[in-house]
Amino acid sequence: MTRGPESSHHASICCEAVYQKVGLSRRIVVCLVNGLKEITDCLEKGERRKCSSCGSFMVRKRPAHRPPAKTGTDRCRSRARVMVFKPSAI
């Protein structure tokens, strides 16, 4: 996925919002937002992303299934992709 000028504009808006809410320095906020952008880019491609001393992020495919009879609905749930975080064993 190519990122255009609107993406960098969106990132700067995110950085400013986090800076105002949390109160960290702008440099740290930019590093955090860029790190999250890297993680989401990897997950969009279906790759696994490991963060040292933290854990790993991955996307799993959840199969379609029927809810239990107790719920009272007959609709099947469609397949989905879900993000999973697995903490490291430190």
C-alpha atoms as a PDB file:
ATOM      1  CA  MET A   1       0.000   0.000   0.000  1.00  0.00           C
ATOM      2  CA  THR A   2       1.519   3.298  -1.054  1.00  0.00           C
ATOM      3  CA  ARG A   3       1.269   6.194   1.298  1.00  0.00           C
ATOM      4  CA  GLY A   4       0.572   9.618  -0.166  1.00  0.00           C
ATOM      5  CA  PRO A   5       0.679  13.137   1.205  1.00  0.00           C
ATOM      6  CA  GLU A   6      -2.710  12.678   2.880  1.00  0.00           C
ATOM      7  CA  SER A   7      -1.221   9.850   4.944  1.00  0.00           C
ATOM      8  CA  SER A   8       1.558  12.019   6.328  1.00  0.00           C
ATOM      9  CA  HIS A   9      -1.021  14.716   7.052  1.00  0.00           C
ATOM     10  CA  HIS A  10      -3.111  12.146   8.937  1.00  0.00           C
ATOM     11  CA  ALA A  11      -0.030  11.037  10.890  1.00  0.00           C
ATOM     12  CA  SER A  12       0.746  14.615  11.917  1.00  0.00           C
ATOM     13  CA  ILE A  13      -2.854  15.065  13.111  1.00  0.00           C
ATOM     14  CA  CYS A  14      -2.539  11.836  15.160  1.00  0.00           C
ATOM     15  CA  CYS A  15       0.773  12.999  16.627  1.00  0.00           C
ATOM     16  CA  GLU A  16      -0.697  16.343  17.653  1.00  0.00           C
ATOM     17  CA  ALA A  17      -3.745  14.688  19.267  1.00  0.00           C
ATOM     18  CA  VAL A  18      -1.593  12.234  21.249  1.00  0.00           C
ATOM     19  CA  TYR A  19       0.775  15.056  22.265  1.00  0.00           C
ATOM     20  CA  GLN A  20      -2.092  17.147  23.628  1.00  0.00           C
ATOM     21  CA  LYS A  21      -3.810  14.244  25.420  1.00  0.00           C
ATOM     22  CA  VAL A  22      -0.823  12.444  26.925  1.00  0.00           C
ATOM     23  CA  GLY A  23       1.676  15.241  27.392  1.00  0.00           C
ATOM     24  CA  LEU A  24       4.785  13.401  26.182  1.00  0.00           C
ATOM     25  CA  SER A  25       7.402  15.231  24.146  1.00  0.00           C
ATOM     26  CA  ARG A  26       6.655  15.645  20.450  1.00  0.00           C
ATOM     27  CA  ARG A  27       9.712  13.587  19.500  1.00  0.00           C
ATOM     28  CA  ILE A  28       8.555  10.597  21.568  1.00  0.00           C
ATOM     29  CA  VAL A  29       5.011  10.900  20.206  1.00  0.00           C
ATOM     30  CA  VAL A  30       6.312  10.887  16.611  1.00  0.00           C
ATOM     31  CA  CYS A  31       8.342   7.732  17.365  1.00  0.00           C
ATOM     32  CA  LEU A  32       5.276   6.037  18.880  1.00  0.00           C
ATOM     33  CA  VAL A  33       2.990   6.922  15.978  1.00  0.00           C
ATOM     34  CA  ASN A  34       5.593   5.812  13.417  1.00  0.00           C
ATOM     35  CA  GLY A  35       6.088   2.531  15.307  1.00  0.00           C
ATOM     36  CA  LEU A  36       2.357   1.857  15.305  1.00  0.00           C
ATOM     37  CA  LYS A  37       2.227   2.677  11.596  1.00  0.00           C
ATOM     38  CA  GLU A  38       4.986   0.108  10.935  1.00  0.00           C
ATOM     39  CA  ILE A  39       3.084  -2.533  12.904  1.00  0.00           C
ATOM     40  CA  THR A  40      -0.188  -1.874  11.076  1.00  0.00           C
ATOM     41  CA  ASP A  41       1.578  -1.901   7.688  1.00  0.00           C
ATOM     42  CA  CYS A  42       3.053  -5.338   8.466  1.00  0.00           C
ATOM     43  CA  LEU A  43      -0.307  -6.655   9.649  1.00  0.00           C
ATOM     44  CA  GLU A  44      -2.041  -5.377   6.502  1.00  0.00           C
ATOM     45  CA  LYS A  45       0.412  -7.415   4.429  1.00  0.00           C
ATOM     46  CA  GLY A  46      -0.289 -10.498   6.572  1.00  0.00           C
ATOM     47  CA  GLU A  47       3.187 -10.484   8.116  1.00  0.00           C
ATOM     48  CA  ARG A  48       4.042 -11.147  11.736  1.00  0.00           C
ATOM     49  CA  ARG A  49       5.645  -8.296  13.699  1.00  0.00           C
ATOM     50  CA  LYS A  50       7.860  -8.998  16.719  1.00  0.00           C
ATOM     51  CA  CYS A  51       8.677  -6.369  19.322  1.00  0.00           C
ATOM     52  CA  SER A  52      11.664  -7.284  21.463  1.00  0.00           C
ATOM     53  CA  SER A  53      10.927  -7.735  25.186  1.00  0.00           C
ATOM     54  CA  CYS A  54       7.230  -7.201  24.493  1.00  0.00           C
ATOM     55  CA  GLY A  55       5.667  -9.834  22.240  1.00  0.00           C
ATOM     56  CA  SER A  56       4.448 -10.359  18.704  1.00  0.00           C
ATOM     57  CA  PHE A  57       1.500  -9.157  16.660  1.00  0.00           C
ATOM     58  CA  MET A  58      -0.096 -11.304  13.971  1.00  0.00           C
ATOM     59  CA  VAL A  59      -3.289 -11.629  11.966  1.00  0.00           C
ATOM     60  CA  ARG A  60      -5.272 -14.840  12.153  1.00  0.00           C
ATOM     61  CA  LYS A  61      -8.112 -15.924   9.935  1.00  0.00           C
ATOM     62  CA  ARG A  62     -11.204 -16.800  11.920  1.00  0.00           C
ATOM     63  CA  PRO A  63     -13.396 -19.390  10.169  1.00  0.00           C
ATOM     64  CA  ALA A  64     -17.108 -18.933   9.576  1.00  0.00           C
ATOM     65  CA  HIS A  65     -19.219 -20.502  12.297  1.00  0.00           C
ATOM     66  CA  ARG A  66     -22.725 -20.727  13.702  1.00  0.00           C
ATOM     67  CA  PRO A  67     -23.422 -19.187  17.110  1.00  0.00           C
ATOM     68  CA  PRO A  68     -24.583 -21.506  19.907  1.00  0.00           C
ATOM     69  CA  ALA A  69     -28.314 -22.308  20.082  1.00  0.00           C
ATOM     70  CA  LYS A  70     -28.598 -20.323  23.346  1.00  0.00           C
ATOM     71  CA  THR A  71     -28.163 -16.984  21.559  1.00  0.00           C
ATOM     72  CA  GLY A  72     -31.406 -17.378  19.636  1.00  0.00           C
ATOM     73  CA  THR A  73     -29.982 -16.266  16.287  1.00  0.00           C
ATOM     74  CA  ASP A  74     -29.784 -18.427  13.183  1.00  0.00           C
ATOM     75  CA  ARG A  75     -27.298 -16.272  11.297  1.00  0.00           C
ATOM     76  CA  CYS A  76     -23.895 -17.662  10.468  1.00  0.00           C
ATOM     77  CA  ARG A  77     -20.937 -15.480  11.291  1.00  0.00           C
ATOM     78  CA  SER A  78     -18.712 -14.786   8.336  1.00  0.00           C
ATOM     79  CA  ARG A  79     -15.009 -15.414   8.117  1.00  0.00           C
ATOM     80  CA  ALA A  80     -12.873 -12.597   9.496  1.00  0.00           C
ATOM     81  CA  ARG A  81      -9.302 -11.558  10.030  1.00  0.00           C
ATOM     82  CA  VAL A  82      -8.475 -10.694  13.635  1.00  0.00           C
ATOM     83  CA  MET A  83      -5.349  -9.166  15.134  1.00  0.00           C
ATOM     84  CA  VAL A  84      -3.718 -11.208  17.878  1.00  0.00           C
ATOM     85  CA  PHE A  85      -1.038 -10.135  20.360  1.00  0.00           C
ATOM     86  CA  LYS A  86       1.056 -12.840  21.995  1.00  0.00           C
ATOM     87  CA  PRO A  87       3.179 -11.546  24.913  1.00  0.00           C
ATOM     88  CA  SER A  88       6.756 -12.719  25.211  1.00  0.00           C
ATOM     89  CA  ALA A  89       7.745 -15.041  28.049  1.00  0.00           C
ATOM     90  CA  ILE A  90       9.976 -12.661  30.024  1.00  0.00           C
END
